[in-house]
Amino acid sequence: MIEIARIPVLTDNYIWLVHDGESGETAAIDPAVAGPVLAAAEARGWRITQIWNTHWHPDHTGGNAEIRQATGCTVTGPAAEAERIPTLDRLVAEGDVVHLGGHAARVIDVPAHTAGHIAYLMPAAKAAFVGDTLFAMGCGRLFEGTAAEMFANMRKLEALPGDTAVYCAHEYTQSNGRYALAAEPGNEAIARRMAEVDALRARGEATVPTTIALERATNPFMRAASIEELAERRAAKDSFRG
C-alpha cells in the first residue's frame, strides 16, 4: 500500500513523501529543504530511503545533501541535468523505471520548464509526480524549452487514465484559475472549479493533487489544440494580472 503525504515549505512549494508500507521505504519528491522533510518522516515513523528529483532548480533539490547525509538515502534524477544536480546517485531518462519497494515508477521526459525535466508515473498507485511541468489549471514557465515541447508534454500527460492523481510542486491553482477564466470565459467547468478553489484557499487548505480528468476539463494549456495556441496562452499567462 502506498501512502502520500504533502509537506508545504517555503512560500508555495509542496514536497511529497511517498511511503510503501510493505517494504518500509519512503521517497521524498523534490525536497527544497531538509528540515521539514526529516521532521515529517520522523513524525510518521517513516524511513527515507530515496529522493526523486524532477529537475535541477534549487527549490526542488536544495534539501538533497542534508537528507542524504542524515538518512543514507539514494538520490535519483534526470540524466540530462546531472551536471546541475551534483548529489545524484542514479541518472534516469525516458523509459527507465525506479522502484519503491514493490512499486514501479516509470520515468518520462517532459522538457520545457527545464531542458532535462522528467516526471515519475506510478500506474499501480494511479499517481504522477510532475514537478513544474503540469499544474492545476496551468503549466510551467518555458525557462529552457519551447512551446512545442510543452505541447508534447501536455499530450503525454492527457493520455494517462483520467483518475491519475497529479502531484505538482507548487500551490499555484488560484492564480492559474484566474487566468483560465480569462482564457476560456465560457467554460463552466472552470467557473465551478474556481469556486471550489477559492473556498479551499479561504480556509487555508491545499488545492492539489489534481487529476488528469480535471485538467482535461479545466486546464487551458492541456486543452490547447495546437502548439501556436499553447504558446499564445503561455505568453498571455506570463503577462496576466488578475
C-alpha atoms as a PDB file:
ATOM      1  CA  MET A   1       0.000   0.000   0.000  1.00  0.00           C
ATOM      2  CA  ILE A   2       1.258   3.450  -0.947  1.00  0.00           C
ATOM      3  CA  GLU A   3       0.707   6.461   1.305  1.00  0.00           C
ATOM      4  CA  ILE A   4       1.437  10.008   0.124  1.00  0.00           C
ATOM      5  CA  ALA A   5       1.962  12.988   2.412  1.00  0.00           C
ATOM      6  CA  ARG A   6       2.143  16.629   1.396  1.00  0.00           C
ATOM      7  CA  ILE A   7       4.722  18.891   3.043  1.00  0.00           C
ATOM      8  CA  PRO A   8       4.277  22.621   2.416  1.00  0.00           C
ATOM      9  CA  VAL A   9       7.542  24.597   2.518  1.00  0.00           C
ATOM     10  CA  LEU A  10       8.936  27.982   1.517  1.00  0.00           C
ATOM     11  CA  THR A  11       6.251  30.250   0.051  1.00  0.00           C
ATOM     12  CA  ASP A  12       4.263  27.861  -2.098  1.00  0.00           C
ATOM     13  CA  ASN A  13       6.284  24.657  -2.621  1.00  0.00           C
ATOM     14  CA  TYR A  14       4.984  21.182  -1.951  1.00  0.00           C
ATOM     15  CA  ILE A  15       7.314  18.288  -1.198  1.00  0.00           C
ATOM     16  CA  TRP A  16       5.736  14.847  -1.415  1.00  0.00           C
ATOM     17  CA  LEU A  17       6.628  11.880   0.785  1.00  0.00           C
ATOM     18  CA  VAL A  18       5.691   8.560  -0.806  1.00  0.00           C
ATOM     19  CA  HIS A  19       5.680   5.606   1.572  1.00  0.00           C
ATOM     20  CA  ASP A  20       5.418   1.902   0.817  1.00  0.00           C
ATOM     21  CA  GLY A  21       4.070   0.231   3.921  1.00  0.00           C
ATOM     22  CA  GLU A  22       5.132  -3.282   2.955  1.00  0.00           C
ATOM     23  CA  SER A  23       8.826  -2.545   2.419  1.00  0.00           C
ATOM     24  CA  GLY A  24       9.056   0.440   4.756  1.00  0.00           C
ATOM     25  CA  GLU A  25      10.682   2.504   2.017  1.00  0.00           C
ATOM     26  CA  THR A  26       9.915   6.204   1.632  1.00  0.00           C
ATOM     27  CA  ALA A  27      10.789   8.543  -1.230  1.00  0.00           C
ATOM     28  CA  ALA A  28      10.959  12.319  -0.909  1.00  0.00           C
ATOM     29  CA  ILE A  29       9.969  14.038  -4.134  1.00  0.00           C
ATOM     30  CA  ASP A  30      11.756  17.316  -4.947  1.00  0.00           C
ATOM     31  CA  PRO A  31      12.880  18.293  -1.434  1.00  0.00           C
ATOM     32  CA  ALA A  32      13.502  22.028  -1.469  1.00  0.00           C
ATOM     33  CA  VAL A  33      14.723  21.930   2.127  1.00  0.00           C
ATOM     34  CA  ALA A  34      15.654  19.148   4.523  1.00  0.00           C
ATOM     35  CA  GLY A  35      14.330  20.005   7.985  1.00  0.00           C
ATOM     36  CA  PRO A  36      10.574  19.765   7.386  1.00  0.00           C
ATOM     37  CA  VAL A  37      11.031  16.587   5.336  1.00  0.00           C
ATOM     38  CA  LEU A  38      13.039  14.827   8.029  1.00  0.00           C
ATOM     39  CA  ALA A  39      10.605  16.004  10.697  1.00  0.00           C
ATOM     40  CA  ALA A  40       7.548  14.849   8.738  1.00  0.00           C
ATOM     41  CA  ALA A  41       9.068  11.426   8.121  1.00  0.00           C
ATOM     42  CA  GLU A  42      10.065  11.027  11.774  1.00  0.00           C
ATOM     43  CA  ALA A  43       6.599  12.038  12.948  1.00  0.00           C
ATOM     44  CA  ARG A  44       5.087   9.278  10.802  1.00  0.00           C
ATOM     45  CA  GLY A  45       7.705   6.679  11.695  1.00  0.00           C
ATOM     46  CA  TRP A  46       8.834   6.546   8.069  1.00  0.00           C
ATOM     47  CA  ARG A  47      12.401   5.911   6.913  1.00  0.00           C
ATOM     48  CA  ILE A  48      13.534   7.990   3.917  1.00  0.00           C
ATOM     49  CA  THR A  49      15.407   5.661   1.575  1.00  0.00           C
ATOM     50  CA  GLN A  50      15.192   7.612  -1.669  1.00  0.00           C
ATOM     51  CA  ILE A  51      14.943  11.093  -3.153  1.00  0.00           C
ATOM     52  CA  TRP A  52      13.429  11.570  -6.606  1.00  0.00           C
ATOM     53  CA  ASN A  53      14.208  14.868  -8.341  1.00  0.00           C
ATOM     54  CA  THR A  54      12.247  16.053 -11.375  1.00  0.00           C
ATOM     55  CA  HIS A  55      14.623  18.889 -12.339  1.00  0.00           C
ATOM     56  CA  TRP A  56      17.594  20.905 -11.169  1.00  0.00           C
ATOM     57  CA  HIS A  57      16.033  24.072  -9.719  1.00  0.00           C
ATOM     58  CA  PRO A  58      17.213  24.741  -6.145  1.00  0.00           C
ATOM     59  CA  ASP A  59      13.663  24.801  -4.771  1.00  0.00           C
ATOM     60  CA  HIS A  60      13.472  21.136  -5.830  1.00  0.00           C
ATOM     61  CA  THR A  61      16.956  19.920  -4.909  1.00  0.00           C
ATOM     62  CA  GLY A  62      18.072  22.150  -2.023  1.00  0.00           C
ATOM     63  CA  GLY A  63      17.462  19.501   0.640  1.00  0.00           C
ATOM     64  CA  ASN A  64      19.171  16.625  -1.167  1.00  0.00           C
ATOM     65  CA  ALA A  65      22.565  16.717   0.522  1.00  0.00           C
ATOM     66  CA  GLU A  66      21.312  17.130   4.085  1.00  0.00           C
ATOM     67  CA  ILE A  67      18.659  14.444   3.748  1.00  0.00           C
ATOM     68  CA  ARG A  68      21.150  12.016   2.226  1.00  0.00           C
ATOM     69  CA  GLN A  69      23.653  12.738   4.993  1.00  0.00           C
ATOM     70  CA  ALA A  70      21.001  12.149   7.654  1.00  0.00           C
ATOM     71  CA  THR A  71      19.468   9.017   6.144  1.00  0.00           C
ATOM     72  CA  GLY A  72      21.917   7.440   3.705  1.00  0.00           C
ATOM     73  CA  CYS A  73      19.243   7.573   1.020  1.00  0.00           C
ATOM     74  CA  THR A  74      19.813   7.274  -2.733  1.00  0.00           C
ATOM     75  CA  VAL A  75      19.156  10.312  -4.933  1.00  0.00           C
ATOM     76  CA  THR A  76      17.657   9.785  -8.389  1.00  0.00           C
ATOM     77  CA  GLY A  77      17.187  12.459 -11.023  1.00  0.00           C
ATOM     78  CA  PRO A  78      17.357  13.452 -14.680  1.00  0.00           C
ATOM     79  CA  ALA A  79      20.440  12.305 -16.545  1.00  0.00           C
ATOM     80  CA  ALA A  80      20.236  15.384 -18.764  1.00  0.00           C
ATOM     81  CA  GLU A  81      20.742  17.636 -15.735  1.00  0.00           C
ATOM     82  CA  ALA A  82      23.410  15.642 -13.897  1.00  0.00           C
ATOM     83  CA  GLU A  83      25.923  18.485 -14.062  1.00  0.00           C
ATOM     84  CA  ARG A  84      23.453  20.768 -12.290  1.00  0.00           C
ATOM     85  CA  ILE A  85      22.471  18.276  -9.551  1.00  0.00           C
ATOM     86  CA  PRO A  86      25.763  17.121  -8.017  1.00  0.00           C
ATOM     87  CA  THR A  87      24.044  14.982  -5.381  1.00  0.00           C
ATOM     88  CA  LEU A  88      22.631  12.466  -7.879  1.00  0.00           C
ATOM     89  CA  ASP A  89      23.445   8.792  -7.365  1.00  0.00           C
ATOM     90  CA  ARG A  90      21.296   7.413 -10.183  1.00  0.00           C
ATOM     91  CA  LEU A  91      20.662   9.078 -13.550  1.00  0.00           C
ATOM     92  CA  VAL A  92      17.400   8.313 -15.359  1.00  0.00           C
ATOM     93  CA  ALA A  93      15.599   9.282 -18.543  1.00  0.00           C
ATOM     94  CA  GLU A  94      12.581   8.346 -20.669  1.00  0.00           C
ATOM     95  CA  GLY A  95      11.637   4.693 -20.260  1.00  0.00           C
ATOM     96  CA  ASP A  96      13.703   3.988 -17.155  1.00  0.00           C
ATOM     97  CA  VAL A  97      11.964   2.511 -14.127  1.00  0.00           C
ATOM     98  CA  VAL A  98      12.615   3.225 -10.474  1.00  0.00           C
ATOM     99  CA  HIS A  99      11.172   1.189  -7.634  1.00  0.00           C
ATOM    100  CA  LEU A 100       9.847   1.987  -4.201  1.00  0.00           C
ATOM    101  CA  GLY A 101       9.596  -1.403  -2.571  1.00  0.00           C
ATOM    102  CA  GLY A 102       7.472  -3.440  -4.954  1.00  0.00           C
ATOM    103  CA  HIS A 103       6.002  -0.393  -6.675  1.00  0.00           C
ATOM    104  CA  ALA A 104       7.368   0.727 -10.037  1.00  0.00           C
ATOM    105  CA  ALA A 105       7.587   4.317 -11.259  1.00  0.00           C
ATOM    106  CA  ARG A 106       8.164   4.911 -14.953  1.00  0.00           C
ATOM    107  CA  VAL A 107      10.249   7.915 -15.967  1.00  0.00           C
ATOM    108  CA  ILE A 108       9.087  10.141 -18.820  1.00  0.00           C
ATOM    109  CA  ASP A 109      10.893  13.101 -20.315  1.00  0.00           C
ATOM    110  CA  VAL A 110       8.888  16.328 -20.090  1.00  0.00           C
ATOM    111  CA  PRO A 111      11.335  19.102 -21.069  1.00  0.00           C
ATOM    112  CA  ALA A 112      10.388  22.768 -21.443  1.00  0.00           C
ATOM    113  CA  HIS A 113      10.398  24.226 -17.921  1.00  0.00           C
ATOM    114  CA  THR A 114      13.998  22.988 -17.819  1.00  0.00           C
ATOM    115  CA  ALA A 115      15.816  21.194 -20.605  1.00  0.00           C
ATOM    116  CA  GLY A 116      16.002  17.844 -18.795  1.00  0.00           C
ATOM    117  CA  HIS A 117      12.797  17.864 -16.727  1.00  0.00           C
ATOM    118  CA  ILE A 118      11.309  14.429 -16.011  1.00  0.00           C
ATOM    119  CA  ALA A 119       8.199  13.058 -14.318  1.00  0.00           C
ATOM    120  CA  TYR A 120       7.621   9.856 -12.348  1.00  0.00           C
ATOM    121  CA  LEU A 121       4.491   7.852 -13.110  1.00  0.00           C
ATOM    122  CA  MET A 122       3.265   5.135 -10.721  1.00  0.00           C
ATOM    123  CA  PRO A 123       0.440   3.418 -12.635  1.00  0.00           C
ATOM    124  CA  ALA A 124      -0.484   0.965  -9.899  1.00  0.00           C
ATOM    125  CA  ALA A 125      -0.850   3.799  -7.404  1.00  0.00           C
ATOM    126  CA  LYS A 126      -2.581   5.986 -10.006  1.00  0.00           C
ATOM    127  CA  ALA A 127      -0.094   8.772  -9.255  1.00  0.00           C
ATOM    128  CA  ALA A 128       2.065  11.121 -11.320  1.00  0.00           C
ATOM    129  CA  PHE A 129       4.761  13.342  -9.812  1.00  0.00           C
ATOM    130  CA  VAL A 130       5.202  16.078 -12.389  1.00  0.00           C
ATOM    131  CA  GLY A 131       7.346  18.735 -10.718  1.00  0.00           C
ATOM    132  CA  ASP A 132       6.856  22.044 -12.515  1.00  0.00           C
ATOM    133  CA  THR A 133       5.547  20.721 -15.839  1.00  0.00           C
ATOM    134  CA  LEU A 134       1.821  20.428 -15.138  1.00  0.00           C
ATOM    135  CA  PHE A 135      -0.018  22.468 -12.530  1.00  0.00           C
ATOM    136  CA  ALA A 136      -3.674  22.591 -11.603  1.00  0.00           C
ATOM    137  CA  MET A 137      -5.112  24.746 -14.421  1.00  0.00           C
ATOM    138  CA  GLY A 138      -1.602  25.672 -15.577  1.00  0.00           C
ATOM    139  CA  CYS A 139       1.787  24.587 -16.846  1.00  0.00           C
ATOM    140  CA  GLY A 140       5.349  25.572 -16.052  1.00  0.00           C
ATOM    141  CA  ARG A 141       7.145  28.576 -17.483  1.00  0.00           C
ATOM    142  CA  LEU A 142       9.266  27.890 -20.557  1.00  0.00           C
ATOM    143  CA  PHE A 143      12.626  28.712 -18.999  1.00  0.00           C
ATOM    144  CA  GLU A 144      14.783  26.364 -21.080  1.00  0.00           C
ATOM    145  CA  GLY A 145      12.462  24.874 -23.663  1.00  0.00           C
ATOM    146  CA  THR A 146       9.848  25.607 -26.268  1.00  0.00           C
ATOM    147  CA  ALA A 147       6.099  25.740 -26.624  1.00  0.00           C
ATOM    148  CA  ALA A 148       6.352  22.724 -28.938  1.00  0.00           C
ATOM    149  CA  GLU A 149       7.982  20.718 -26.151  1.00  0.00           C
ATOM    150  CA  MET A 150       5.347  21.782 -23.628  1.00  0.00           C
ATOM    151  CA  PHE A 151       2.584  20.976 -26.091  1.00  0.00           C
ATOM    152  CA  ALA A 152       4.057  17.468 -26.444  1.00  0.00           C
ATOM    153  CA  ASN A 153       4.192  17.177 -22.651  1.00  0.00           C
ATOM    154  CA  MET A 154       0.508  18.018 -22.390  1.00  0.00           C
ATOM    155  CA  ARG A 155      -0.291  15.325 -24.952  1.00  0.00           C
ATOM    156  CA  LYS A 156       1.732  12.738 -22.997  1.00  0.00           C
ATOM    157  CA  LEU A 157       0.038  13.594 -19.737  1.00  0.00           C
ATOM    158  CA  GLU A 158      -3.508  13.900 -21.043  1.00  0.00           C
ATOM    159  CA  ALA A 159      -3.171  10.349 -22.401  1.00  0.00           C
ATOM    160  CA  LEU A 160      -2.899   8.986 -18.853  1.00  0.00           C
ATOM    161  CA  PRO A 161      -6.016   7.485 -17.245  1.00  0.00           C
ATOM    162  CA  GLY A 162      -8.369  10.206 -16.054  1.00  0.00           C
ATOM    163  CA  ASP A 163      -8.248   9.040 -12.450  1.00  0.00           C
ATOM    164  CA  THR A 164      -4.463   9.508 -12.261  1.00  0.00           C
ATOM    165  CA  ALA A 165      -3.701  11.857  -9.376  1.00  0.00           C
ATOM    166  CA  VAL A 166      -1.315  14.661 -10.350  1.00  0.00           C
ATOM    167  CA  TYR A 167       1.144  15.736  -7.656  1.00  0.00           C
ATOM    168  CA  CYS A 168       2.642  19.047  -8.736  1.00  0.00           C
ATOM    169  CA  ALA A 169       5.191  21.019  -6.773  1.00  0.00           C
ATOM    170  CA  HIS A 170       3.533  24.390  -6.146  1.00  0.00           C
ATOM    171  CA  GLU A 171       0.302  25.910  -4.884  1.00  0.00           C
ATOM    172  CA  TYR A 172      -0.468  27.990  -7.983  1.00  0.00           C
ATOM    173  CA  THR A 173      -4.059  26.943  -8.556  1.00  0.00           C
ATOM    174  CA  GLN A 174      -5.814  30.168  -7.607  1.00  0.00           C
ATOM    175  CA  SER A 175      -3.702  32.413  -9.827  1.00  0.00           C
ATOM    176  CA  ASN A 176      -3.772  29.841 -12.637  1.00  0.00           C
ATOM    177  CA  GLY A 177      -7.528  29.650 -12.358  1.00  0.00           C
ATOM    178  CA  ARG A 178      -7.953  33.394 -12.711  1.00  0.00           C
ATOM    179  CA  TYR A 179      -6.100  33.201 -15.991  1.00  0.00           C
ATOM    180  CA  ALA A 180      -8.083  30.125 -17.057  1.00  0.00           C
ATOM    181  CA  LEU A 181     -11.306  32.071 -16.556  1.00  0.00           C
ATOM    182  CA  ALA A 182      -9.957  34.806 -18.821  1.00  0.00           C
ATOM    183  CA  ALA A 183      -8.705  32.328 -21.428  1.00  0.00           C
ATOM    184  CA  GLU A 184     -11.978  30.380 -21.565  1.00  0.00           C
ATOM    185  CA  PRO A 185     -14.716  32.632 -20.173  1.00  0.00           C
ATOM    186  CA  GLY A 186     -17.463  30.294 -21.363  1.00  0.00           C
ATOM    187  CA  ASN A 187     -16.073  27.190 -19.680  1.00  0.00           C
ATOM    188  CA  GLU A 188     -18.498  26.367 -16.881  1.00  0.00           C
ATOM    189  CA  ALA A 189     -16.211  23.647 -15.518  1.00  0.00           C
ATOM    190  CA  ILE A 190     -13.528  26.261 -14.833  1.00  0.00           C
ATOM    191  CA  ALA A 191     -16.036  28.542 -13.118  1.00  0.00           C
ATOM    192  CA  ARG A 192     -17.225  25.705 -10.874  1.00  0.00           C
ATOM    193  CA  ARG A 193     -13.699  24.672 -10.089  1.00  0.00           C
ATOM    194  CA  MET A 194     -12.644  28.208  -9.207  1.00  0.00           C
ATOM    195  CA  ALA A 195     -15.492  28.479  -6.728  1.00  0.00           C
ATOM    196  CA  GLU A 196     -14.164  25.340  -5.033  1.00  0.00           C
ATOM    197  CA  VAL A 197     -10.558  26.576  -5.161  1.00  0.00           C
ATOM    198  CA  ASP A 198     -11.438  29.964  -3.685  1.00  0.00           C
ATOM    199  CA  ALA A 199     -13.296  28.250  -0.839  1.00  0.00           C
ATOM    200  CA  LEU A 200     -10.352  25.936  -0.129  1.00  0.00           C
ATOM    201  CA  ARG A 201      -7.830  28.778  -0.109  1.00  0.00           C
ATOM    202  CA  ALA A 202     -10.064  30.891   2.122  1.00  0.00           C
ATOM    203  CA  ARG A 203      -9.804  28.063   4.662  1.00  0.00           C
ATOM    204  CA  GLY A 204      -6.043  27.795   4.137  1.00  0.00           C
ATOM    205  CA  GLU A 205      -6.342  24.369   2.519  1.00  0.00           C
ATOM    206  CA  ALA A 206      -4.349  22.922  -0.377  1.00  0.00           C
ATOM    207  CA  THR A 207      -5.849  22.543  -3.848  1.00  0.00           C
ATOM    208  CA  VAL A 208      -3.614  19.731  -5.083  1.00  0.00           C
ATOM    209  CA  PRO A 209      -3.279  16.947  -6.002  1.00  0.00           C
ATOM    210  CA  THR A 210      -5.499  17.344  -9.012  1.00  0.00           C
ATOM    211  CA  THR A 211      -6.420  14.649 -11.570  1.00  0.00           C
ATOM    212  CA  ILE A 212      -5.850  14.188 -15.271  1.00  0.00           C
ATOM    213  CA  ALA A 213      -9.612  14.214 -15.892  1.00  0.00           C
ATOM    214  CA  LEU A 214      -9.992  17.519 -14.074  1.00  0.00           C
ATOM    215  CA  GLU A 215      -7.128  19.042 -16.050  1.00  0.00           C
ATOM    216  CA  ARG A 216      -8.602  17.873 -19.337  1.00  0.00           C
ATOM    217  CA  ALA A 217     -11.744  19.811 -18.470  1.00  0.00           C
ATOM    218  CA  THR A 218     -10.262  22.974 -16.934  1.00  0.00           C
ATOM    219  CA  ASN A 219      -6.609  23.475 -17.882  1.00  0.00           C
ATOM    220  CA  PRO A 220      -6.247  25.905 -20.824  1.00  0.00           C
ATOM    221  CA  PHE A 221      -2.775  24.544 -21.650  1.00  0.00           C
ATOM    222  CA  MET A 222      -3.816  20.904 -21.736  1.00  0.00           C
ATOM    223  CA  ARG A 223      -6.873  21.985 -23.726  1.00  0.00           C
ATOM    224  CA  ALA A 224      -4.851  23.943 -26.310  1.00  0.00           C
ATOM    225  CA  ALA A 225      -5.497  22.498 -29.763  1.00  0.00           C
ATOM    226  CA  SER A 226      -2.163  23.486 -31.283  1.00  0.00           C
ATOM    227  CA  ILE A 227       1.399  24.476 -30.461  1.00  0.00           C
ATOM    228  CA  GLU A 228       0.592  28.018 -31.506  1.00  0.00           C
ATOM    229  CA  GLU A 229      -2.409  28.205 -29.180  1.00  0.00           C
ATOM    230  CA  LEU A 230      -0.374  26.901 -26.244  1.00  0.00           C
ATOM    231  CA  ALA A 231       2.380  29.435 -26.994  1.00  0.00           C
ATOM    232  CA  GLU A 232      -0.125  32.278 -27.120  1.00  0.00           C
ATOM    233  CA  ARG A 233      -1.700  31.186 -23.850  1.00  0.00           C
ATOM    234  CA  ARG A 234       1.673  30.797 -22.142  1.00  0.00           C
ATOM    235  CA  ALA A 235       2.706  34.301 -23.238  1.00  0.00           C
ATOM    236  CA  ALA A 236      -0.625  35.696 -22.107  1.00  0.00           C
ATOM    237  CA  LYS A 237      -0.364  33.939 -18.754  1.00  0.00           C
ATOM    238  CA  ASP A 238       3.129  35.349 -18.188  1.00  0.00           C
ATOM    239  CA  SER A 239       1.775  38.873 -18.634  1.00  0.00           C
ATOM    240  CA  PHE A 240      -1.597  38.250 -16.947  1.00  0.00           C
ATOM    241  CA  ARG A 241      -2.560  40.244 -13.897  1.00  0.00           C
ATOM    242  CA  GLY A 242      -5.735  39.140 -12.266  1.00  0.00           C
END
